[in-house]
């Protein structure tokens, strides 16, 4: 068991650098966790038949919808993700 007040760090990442480095690690962990939660929500909504775009012209299966998405949709997706980052 872990003592109260100690952090769980099996890889020893907390020893890798300065306080700024650890703060960057924490920030990126929170950011990537939020992106993963949003992706799961989008997957569940899409699988449930909710399509906020394309007038529900795509498949309800997220994997099939990914293949059916036009190239311009992928360009918008990549540029949007790049802008957010």
PDB file of N, CA and C in Angstrom:
ATOM      1  N   UNK A   1       0.834  -1.193   0.000  1.00  0.00           N
ATOM      2  CA  UNK A   1       0.000   0.000   0.000  1.00  0.00           C
ATOM      3  C   UNK A   1       0.871   1.246   0.000  1.00  0.00           C
ATOM      4  N   UNK A   2       0.265   2.351  -0.407  1.00  0.00           N
ATOM      5  CA  UNK A   2       0.957   3.631  -0.450  1.00  0.00           C
ATOM      6  C   UNK A   2       0.624   4.419   0.804  1.00  0.00           C
ATOM      7  N   UNK A   3       1.638   5.020   1.380  1.00  0.00           N
ATOM      8  CA  UNK A   3       1.396   5.845   2.551  1.00  0.00           C
ATOM      9  C   UNK A   3       0.574   7.058   2.159  1.00  0.00           C
ATOM     10  N   UNK A   4      -0.202   7.546   3.117  1.00  0.00           N
ATOM     11  CA  UNK A   4      -1.014   8.735   2.863  1.00  0.00           C
ATOM     12  C   UNK A   4      -0.096   9.920   2.589  1.00  0.00           C
ATOM     13  N   UNK A   5      -0.367  10.651   1.525  1.00  0.00           N
ATOM     14  CA  UNK A   5       0.415  11.826   1.193  1.00  0.00           C
ATOM     15  C   UNK A   5       1.501  11.580   0.169  1.00  0.00           C
ATOM     16  N   UNK A   6       1.846  10.336  -0.078  1.00  0.00           N
ATOM     17  CA  UNK A   6       2.856  10.039  -1.101  1.00  0.00           C
ATOM     18  C   UNK A   6       2.164   9.890  -2.455  1.00  0.00           C
ATOM     19  N   UNK A   7       2.904  10.186  -3.512  1.00  0.00           N
ATOM     20  CA  UNK A   7       2.336  10.038  -4.851  1.00  0.00           C
ATOM     21  C   UNK A   7       2.688   8.660  -5.406  1.00  0.00           C
ATOM     22  N   UNK A   8       1.831   8.162  -6.271  1.00  0.00           N
ATOM     23  CA  UNK A   8       2.078   6.880  -6.927  1.00  0.00           C
ATOM     24  C   UNK A   8       2.818   7.175  -8.221  1.00  0.00           C
ATOM     25  N   UNK A   9       4.064   6.783  -8.293  1.00  0.00           N
ATOM     26  CA  UNK A   9       4.904   7.087  -9.443  1.00  0.00           C
ATOM     27  C   UNK A   9       5.802   5.886  -9.744  1.00  0.00           C
ATOM     28  N   UNK A  10       5.247   4.803 -10.327  1.00  0.00           N
ATOM     29  CA  UNK A  10       6.040   3.599 -10.544  1.00  0.00           C
ATOM     30  C   UNK A  10       7.169   3.769 -11.562  1.00  0.00           C
ATOM     31  N   UNK A  11       7.056   4.734 -12.478  1.00  0.00           N
ATOM     32  CA  UNK A  11       8.089   4.934 -13.490  1.00  0.00           C
ATOM     33  C   UNK A  11       9.145   5.951 -13.070  1.00  0.00           C
ATOM     34  N   UNK A  12       8.938   6.597 -11.936  1.00  0.00           N
ATOM     35  CA  UNK A  12       9.902   7.578 -11.459  1.00  0.00           C
ATOM     36  C   UNK A  12       9.920   8.861 -12.272  1.00  0.00           C
ATOM     37  N   UNK A  13       8.803   9.228 -12.869  1.00  0.00           N
ATOM     38  CA  UNK A  13       8.746  10.434 -13.695  1.00  0.00           C
ATOM     39  C   UNK A  13       8.907  11.708 -12.874  1.00  0.00           C
ATOM     40  N   UNK A  14       8.539  11.664 -11.594  1.00  0.00           N
ATOM     41  CA  UNK A  14       8.661  12.848 -10.748  1.00  0.00           C
ATOM     42  C   UNK A  14      10.115  13.212 -10.480  1.00  0.00           C
ATOM     43  N   UNK A  15      11.020  12.297 -10.748  1.00  0.00           N
ATOM     44  CA  UNK A  15      12.447  12.549 -10.515  1.00  0.00           C
ATOM     45  C   UNK A  15      13.160  13.025 -11.777  1.00  0.00           C
ATOM     46  N   UNK A  16      12.428  13.211 -12.866  1.00  0.00           N
ATOM     47  CA  UNK A  16      13.061  13.496 -14.158  1.00  0.00           C
ATOM     48  C   UNK A  16      13.527  14.931 -14.337  1.00  0.00           C
ATOM     49  N   UNK A  17      12.999  15.852 -13.579  1.00  0.00           N
ATOM     50  CA  UNK A  17      13.401  17.222 -13.864  1.00  0.00           C
ATOM     51  C   UNK A  17      12.932  18.202 -12.824  1.00  0.00           C
ATOM     52  N   UNK A  18      12.838  19.427 -13.254  1.00  0.00           N
ATOM     53  CA  UNK A  18      12.498  20.535 -12.367  1.00  0.00           C
ATOM     54  C   UNK A  18      10.997  20.562 -12.083  1.00  0.00           C
ATOM     55  N   UNK A  19      10.611  21.519 -11.264  1.00  0.00           N
ATOM     56  CA  UNK A  19       9.194  21.694 -10.963  1.00  0.00           C
ATOM     57  C   UNK A  19       8.409  22.082 -12.215  1.00  0.00           C
ATOM     58  N   UNK A  20       9.038  22.823 -13.118  1.00  0.00           N
ATOM     59  CA  UNK A  20       8.370  23.204 -14.364  1.00  0.00           C
ATOM     60  C   UNK A  20       8.089  21.974 -15.229  1.00  0.00           C
ATOM     61  N   UNK A  21       9.028  21.028 -15.240  1.00  0.00           N
ATOM     62  CA  UNK A  21       8.830  19.797 -16.008  1.00  0.00           C
ATOM     63  C   UNK A  21       7.673  18.988 -15.438  1.00  0.00           C
ATOM     64  N   UNK A  22       7.616  18.871 -14.132  1.00  0.00           N
ATOM     65  CA  UNK A  22       6.528  18.124 -13.480  1.00  0.00           C
ATOM     66  C   UNK A  22       5.193  18.816 -13.732  1.00  0.00           C
ATOM     67  N   UNK A  23       5.182  20.139 -13.683  1.00  0.00           N
ATOM     68  CA  UNK A  23       3.951  20.879 -13.973  1.00  0.00           C
ATOM     69  C   UNK A  23       3.508  20.637 -15.412  1.00  0.00           C
ATOM     70  N   UNK A  24       4.466  20.564 -16.349  1.00  0.00           N
ATOM     71  CA  UNK A  24       4.133  20.283 -17.745  1.00  0.00           C
ATOM     72  C   UNK A  24       3.545  18.884 -17.882  1.00  0.00           C
ATOM     73  N   UNK A  25       4.144  17.899 -17.179  1.00  0.00           N
ATOM     74  CA  UNK A  25       3.616  16.533 -17.188  1.00  0.00           C
ATOM     75  C   UNK A  25       2.177  16.508 -16.679  1.00  0.00           C
ATOM     76  N   UNK A  26       1.928  17.197 -15.585  1.00  0.00           N
ATOM     77  CA  UNK A  26       0.573  17.211 -15.012  1.00  0.00           C
ATOM     78  C   UNK A  26      -0.410  17.877 -15.956  1.00  0.00           C
ATOM     79  N   UNK A  27      -0.009  18.986 -16.544  1.00  0.00           N
ATOM     80  CA  UNK A  27      -0.887  19.698 -17.472  1.00  0.00           C
ATOM     81  C   UNK A  27      -1.226  18.819 -18.675  1.00  0.00           C
ATOM     82  N   UNK A  28      -0.219  18.159 -19.237  1.00  0.00           N
ATOM     83  CA  UNK A  28      -0.487  17.325 -20.411  1.00  0.00           C
ATOM     84  C   UNK A  28      -1.327  16.106 -20.044  1.00  0.00           C
ATOM     85  N   UNK A  29      -1.162  15.567 -18.845  1.00  0.00           N
ATOM     86  CA  UNK A  29      -1.990  14.435 -18.423  1.00  0.00           C
ATOM     87  C   UNK A  29      -3.453  14.843 -18.320  1.00  0.00           C
ATOM     88  N   UNK A  30      -3.715  16.005 -17.740  1.00  0.00           N
ATOM     89  CA  UNK A  30      -5.090  16.491 -17.629  1.00  0.00           C
ATOM     90  C   UNK A  30      -5.667  16.767 -19.016  1.00  0.00           C
ATOM     91  N   UNK A  31      -4.880  17.410 -19.885  1.00  0.00           N
ATOM     92  CA  UNK A  31      -5.353  17.738 -21.229  1.00  0.00           C
ATOM     93  C   UNK A  31      -5.686  16.475 -22.016  1.00  0.00           C
ATOM     94  N   UNK A  32      -4.808  15.500 -21.995  1.00  0.00           N
ATOM     95  CA  UNK A  32      -5.056  14.274 -22.745  1.00  0.00           C
ATOM     96  C   UNK A  32      -6.207  13.471 -22.144  1.00  0.00           C
ATOM     97  N   UNK A  33      -6.370  13.541 -20.833  1.00  0.00           N
ATOM     98  CA  UNK A  33      -7.519  12.892 -20.205  1.00  0.00           C
ATOM     99  C   UNK A  33      -8.828  13.504 -20.657  1.00  0.00           C
ATOM    100  N   UNK A  34      -8.849  14.830 -20.767  1.00  0.00           N
ATOM    101  CA  UNK A  34     -10.068  15.506 -21.231  1.00  0.00           C
ATOM    102  C   UNK A  34     -10.363  15.175 -22.689  1.00  0.00           C
ATOM    103  N   UNK A  35      -9.336  15.105 -23.515  1.00  0.00           N
ATOM    104  CA  UNK A  35      -9.533  14.739 -24.921  1.00  0.00           C
ATOM    105  C   UNK A  35     -10.083  13.316 -25.019  1.00  0.00           C
ATOM    106  N   UNK A  36      -9.554  12.409 -24.192  1.00  0.00           N
ATOM    107  CA  UNK A  36     -10.034  11.022 -24.213  1.00  0.00           C
ATOM    108  C   UNK A  36     -11.493  10.943 -23.759  1.00  0.00           C
ATOM    109  N   UNK A  37     -11.875  11.729 -22.759  1.00  0.00           N
ATOM    110  CA  UNK A  37     -13.271  11.728 -22.313  1.00  0.00           C
ATOM    111  C   UNK A  37     -14.192  12.273 -23.402  1.00  0.00           C
ATOM    112  N   UNK A  38     -13.767  13.329 -24.088  1.00  0.00           N
ATOM    113  CA  UNK A  38     -14.573  13.879 -25.178  1.00  0.00           C
ATOM    114  C   UNK A  38     -14.696  12.874 -26.321  1.00  0.00           C
ATOM    115  N   UNK A  39     -13.612  12.150 -26.606  1.00  0.00           N
ATOM    116  CA  UNK A  39     -13.662  11.141 -27.665  1.00  0.00           C
ATOM    117  C   UNK A  39     -14.631  10.019 -27.311  1.00  0.00           C
ATOM    118  N   UNK A  40     -14.616   9.596 -26.057  1.00  0.00           N
ATOM    119  CA  UNK A  40     -15.565   8.545 -25.632  1.00  0.00           C
ATOM    120  C   UNK A  40     -16.996   9.043 -25.743  1.00  0.00           C
ATOM    121  N   UNK A  41     -17.240  10.279 -25.328  1.00  0.00           N
ATOM    122  CA  UNK A  41     -18.587  10.830 -25.429  1.00  0.00           C
ATOM    123  C   UNK A  41     -19.029  10.887 -26.884  1.00  0.00           C
ATOM    124  N   UNK A  42     -18.147  11.340 -27.760  1.00  0.00           N
ATOM    125  CA  UNK A  42     -18.483  11.385 -29.179  1.00  0.00           C
ATOM    126  C   UNK A  42     -18.770  10.010 -29.746  1.00  0.00           C
ATOM    127  N   UNK A  43     -17.992   9.018 -29.319  1.00  0.00           N
ATOM    128  CA  UNK A  43     -18.204   7.648 -29.788  1.00  0.00           C
ATOM    129  C   UNK A  43     -19.578   7.147 -29.354  1.00  0.00           C
ATOM    130  N   UNK A  44     -19.923   7.373 -28.079  1.00  0.00           N
ATOM    131  CA  UNK A  44     -21.218   6.899 -27.564  1.00  0.00           C
ATOM    132  C   UNK A  44     -22.376   7.616 -28.236  1.00  0.00           C
ATOM    133  N   UNK A  45     -22.261   8.922 -28.434  1.00  0.00           N
ATOM    134  CA  UNK A  45     -23.339   9.653 -29.097  1.00  0.00           C
ATOM    135  C   UNK A  45     -23.509   9.172 -30.535  1.00  0.00           C
ATOM    136  N   UNK A  46     -22.403   9.002 -31.228  1.00  0.00           N
ATOM    137  CA  UNK A  46     -22.457   8.540 -32.611  1.00  0.00           C
ATOM    138  C   UNK A  46     -23.050   7.136 -32.686  1.00  0.00           C
ATOM    139  N   UNK A  47     -22.636   6.257 -31.797  1.00  0.00           N
ATOM    140  CA  UNK A  47     -23.172   4.891 -31.789  1.00  0.00           C
ATOM    141  C   UNK A  47     -24.655   4.882 -31.441  1.00  0.00           C
ATOM    142  N   UNK A  48     -25.104   5.900 -30.692  1.00  0.00           N
ATOM    143  CA  UNK A  48     -26.520   6.019 -30.340  1.00  0.00           C
ATOM    144  C   UNK A  48     -27.359   6.654 -31.436  1.00  0.00           C
ATOM    145  N   UNK A  49     -26.727   7.058 -32.532  1.00  0.00           N
ATOM    146  CA  UNK A  49     -27.473   7.605 -33.657  1.00  0.00           C
ATOM    147  C   UNK A  49     -27.506   9.113 -33.718  1.00  0.00           C
ATOM    148  N   UNK A  50     -26.773   9.795 -32.844  1.00  0.00           N
ATOM    149  CA  UNK A  50     -26.762  11.257 -32.848  1.00  0.00           C
ATOM    150  C   UNK A  50     -25.626  11.727 -33.744  1.00  0.00           C
ATOM    151  N   UNK A  51     -25.986  12.423 -34.820  1.00  0.00           N
ATOM    152  CA  UNK A  51     -24.994  12.992 -35.736  1.00  0.00           C
ATOM    153  C   UNK A  51     -25.190  14.505 -35.746  1.00  0.00           C
ATOM    154  N   UNK A  52     -24.303  15.249 -35.105  1.00  0.00           N
ATOM    155  CA  UNK A  52     -24.493  16.702 -35.102  1.00  0.00           C
ATOM    156  C   UNK A  52     -24.245  17.344 -36.459  1.00  0.00           C
ATOM    157  N   UNK A  53     -23.672  16.605 -37.375  1.00  0.00           N
ATOM    158  CA  UNK A  53     -23.403  17.145 -38.719  1.00  0.00           C
ATOM    159  C   UNK A  53     -23.786  16.101 -39.759  1.00  0.00           C
ATOM    160  N   UNK A  54     -23.724  16.484 -40.996  1.00  0.00           N
ATOM    161  CA  UNK A  54     -23.960  15.596 -42.138  1.00  0.00           C
ATOM    162  C   UNK A  54     -25.395  15.080 -42.214  1.00  0.00           C
ATOM    163  N   UNK A  55     -26.319  15.688 -41.499  1.00  0.00           N
ATOM    164  CA  UNK A  55     -27.737  15.309 -41.553  1.00  0.00           C
ATOM    165  C   UNK A  55     -27.936  13.804 -41.415  1.00  0.00           C
ATOM    166  N   UNK A  56     -27.152  13.180 -40.578  1.00  0.00           N
ATOM    167  CA  UNK A  56     -27.215  11.738 -40.312  1.00  0.00           C
ATOM    168  C   UNK A  56     -26.992  10.913 -41.576  1.00  0.00           C
ATOM    169  N   UNK A  57     -26.219  11.447 -42.512  1.00  0.00           N
ATOM    170  CA  UNK A  57     -25.958  10.722 -43.751  1.00  0.00           C
ATOM    171  C   UNK A  57     -24.910   9.636 -43.558  1.00  0.00           C
ATOM    172  N   UNK A  58     -24.151   9.701 -42.475  1.00  0.00           N
ATOM    173  CA  UNK A  58     -23.121   8.705 -42.216  1.00  0.00           C
ATOM    174  C   UNK A  58     -23.690   7.554 -41.405  1.00  0.00           C
ATOM    175  N   UNK A  59     -22.961   6.470 -41.368  1.00  0.00           N
ATOM    176  CA  UNK A  59     -23.375   5.278 -40.634  1.00  0.00           C
ATOM    177  C   UNK A  59     -23.410   5.556 -39.139  1.00  0.00           C
ATOM    178  N   UNK A  60     -24.222   4.808 -38.404  1.00  0.00           N
ATOM    179  CA  UNK A  60     -24.249   4.908 -36.944  1.00  0.00           C
ATOM    180  C   UNK A  60     -23.078   4.182 -36.305  1.00  0.00           C
ATOM    181  N   UNK A  61     -22.411   3.336 -37.057  1.00  0.00           N
ATOM    182  CA  UNK A  61     -21.217   2.662 -36.560  1.00  0.00           C
ATOM    183  C   UNK A  61     -20.043   3.623 -36.730  1.00  0.00           C
ATOM    184  N   UNK A  62     -19.387   4.024 -35.631  1.00  0.00           N
ATOM    185  CA  UNK A  62     -18.311   5.012 -35.750  1.00  0.00           C
ATOM    186  C   UNK A  62     -17.179   4.585 -36.678  1.00  0.00           C
ATOM    187  N   UNK A  63     -16.865   3.301 -36.742  1.00  0.00           N
ATOM    188  CA  UNK A  63     -15.791   2.859 -37.632  1.00  0.00           C
ATOM    189  C   UNK A  63     -16.198   2.969 -39.098  1.00  0.00           C
ATOM    190  N   UNK A  64     -17.442   2.643 -39.402  1.00  0.00           N
ATOM    191  CA  UNK A  64     -17.927   2.799 -40.776  1.00  0.00           C
ATOM    192  C   UNK A  64     -18.056   4.275 -41.147  1.00  0.00           C
ATOM    193  N   UNK A  65     -18.501   5.087 -40.192  1.00  0.00           N
ATOM    194  CA  UNK A  65     -18.637   6.519 -40.450  1.00  0.00           C
ATOM    195  C   UNK A  65     -17.282   7.154 -40.732  1.00  0.00           C
ATOM    196  N   UNK A  66     -16.242   6.650 -40.080  1.00  0.00           N
ATOM    197  CA  UNK A  66     -14.900   7.161 -40.307  1.00  0.00           C
ATOM    198  C   UNK A  66     -14.479   6.924 -41.766  1.00  0.00           C
ATOM    199  N   UNK A  67     -14.836   5.772 -42.311  1.00  0.00           N
ATOM    200  CA  UNK A  67     -14.487   5.452 -43.694  1.00  0.00           C
ATOM    201  C   UNK A  67     -15.349   6.264 -44.669  1.00  0.00           C
ATOM    202  N   UNK A  68     -16.596   6.533 -44.283  1.00  0.00           N
ATOM    203  CA  UNK A  68     -17.517   7.254 -45.164  1.00  0.00           C
ATOM    204  C   UNK A  68     -17.272   8.760 -45.186  1.00  0.00           C
ATOM    205  N   UNK A  69     -16.518   9.285 -44.236  1.00  0.00           N
ATOM    206  CA  UNK A  69     -16.277  10.722 -44.161  1.00  0.00           C
ATOM    207  C   UNK A  69     -15.488  11.185 -45.376  1.00  0.00           C
ATOM    208  N   UNK A  70     -15.955  12.226 -46.071  1.00  0.00           N
ATOM    209  CA  UNK A  70     -15.230  12.707 -47.241  1.00  0.00           C
ATOM    210  C   UNK A  70     -13.864  13.286 -46.863  1.00  0.00           C
ATOM    211  N   UNK A  71     -12.997  13.395 -47.860  1.00  0.00           N
ATOM    212  CA  UNK A  71     -11.638  13.887 -47.617  1.00  0.00           C
ATOM    213  C   UNK A  71     -11.638  15.291 -47.029  1.00  0.00           C
ATOM    214  N   UNK A  72     -12.564  16.137 -47.478  1.00  0.00           N
ATOM    215  CA  UNK A  72     -12.616  17.500 -46.946  1.00  0.00           C
ATOM    216  C   UNK A  72     -12.968  17.477 -45.458  1.00  0.00           C
ATOM    217  N   UNK A  73     -13.729  16.501 -45.033  1.00  0.00           N
ATOM    218  CA  UNK A  73     -14.033  16.352 -43.610  1.00  0.00           C
ATOM    219  C   UNK A  73     -12.799  16.008 -42.800  1.00  0.00           C
ATOM    220  N   UNK A  74     -11.958  15.153 -43.368  1.00  0.00           N
ATOM    221  CA  UNK A  74     -10.704  14.805 -42.686  1.00  0.00           C
ATOM    222  C   UNK A  74      -9.768  16.000 -42.613  1.00  0.00           C
ATOM    223  N   UNK A  75      -9.738  16.806 -43.670  1.00  0.00           N
ATOM    224  CA  UNK A  75      -8.898  18.008 -43.660  1.00  0.00           C
ATOM    225  C   UNK A  75      -9.372  18.959 -42.565  1.00  0.00           C
ATOM    226  N   UNK A  76     -10.677  19.156 -42.462  1.00  0.00           N
ATOM    227  CA  UNK A  76     -11.225  20.011 -41.410  1.00  0.00           C
ATOM    228  C   UNK A  76     -10.901  19.449 -40.032  1.00  0.00           C
ATOM    229  N   UNK A  77     -10.995  18.145 -39.877  1.00  0.00           N
ATOM    230  CA  UNK A  77     -10.706  17.505 -38.595  1.00  0.00           C
ATOM    231  C   UNK A  77      -9.249  17.719 -38.197  1.00  0.00           C
ATOM    232  N   UNK A  78      -8.337  17.468 -39.116  1.00  0.00           N
ATOM    233  CA  UNK A  78      -6.917  17.608 -38.808  1.00  0.00           C
ATOM    234  C   UNK A  78      -6.556  19.053 -38.519  1.00  0.00           C
ATOM    235  N   UNK A  79      -7.055  19.988 -39.327  1.00  0.00           N
ATOM    236  CA  UNK A  79      -6.772  21.399 -39.085  1.00  0.00           C
ATOM    237  C   UNK A  79      -7.388  21.893 -37.785  1.00  0.00           C
ATOM    238  N   UNK A  80      -8.579  21.417 -37.466  1.00  0.00           N
ATOM    239  CA  UNK A  80      -9.225  21.791 -36.195  1.00  0.00           C
ATOM    240  C   UNK A  80      -8.446  21.282 -34.998  1.00  0.00           C
ATOM    241  N   UNK A  81      -8.003  20.039 -35.073  1.00  0.00           N
ATOM    242  CA  UNK A  81      -7.195  19.490 -33.973  1.00  0.00           C
ATOM    243  C   UNK A  81      -5.870  20.232 -33.849  1.00  0.00           C
ATOM    244  N   UNK A  82      -5.272  20.583 -34.977  1.00  0.00           N
ATOM    245  CA  UNK A  82      -4.018  21.325 -34.947  1.00  0.00           C
ATOM    246  C   UNK A  82      -4.201  22.711 -34.345  1.00  0.00           C
ATOM    247  N   UNK A  83      -5.320  23.354 -34.643  1.00  0.00           N
ATOM    248  CA  UNK A  83      -5.590  24.677 -34.083  1.00  0.00           C
ATOM    249  C   UNK A  83      -5.798  24.612 -32.568  1.00  0.00           C
ATOM    250  N   UNK A  84      -6.454  23.565 -32.111  1.00  0.00           N
ATOM    251  CA  UNK A  84      -6.684  23.404 -30.672  1.00  0.00           C
ATOM    252  C   UNK A  84      -5.380  23.160 -29.937  1.00  0.00           C
ATOM    253  N   UNK A  85      -4.518  22.348 -30.534  1.00  0.00           N
ATOM    254  CA  UNK A  85      -3.230  22.065 -29.892  1.00  0.00           C
ATOM    255  C   UNK A  85      -2.411  23.321 -29.816  1.00  0.00           C
TER     256      UNK A  85
END
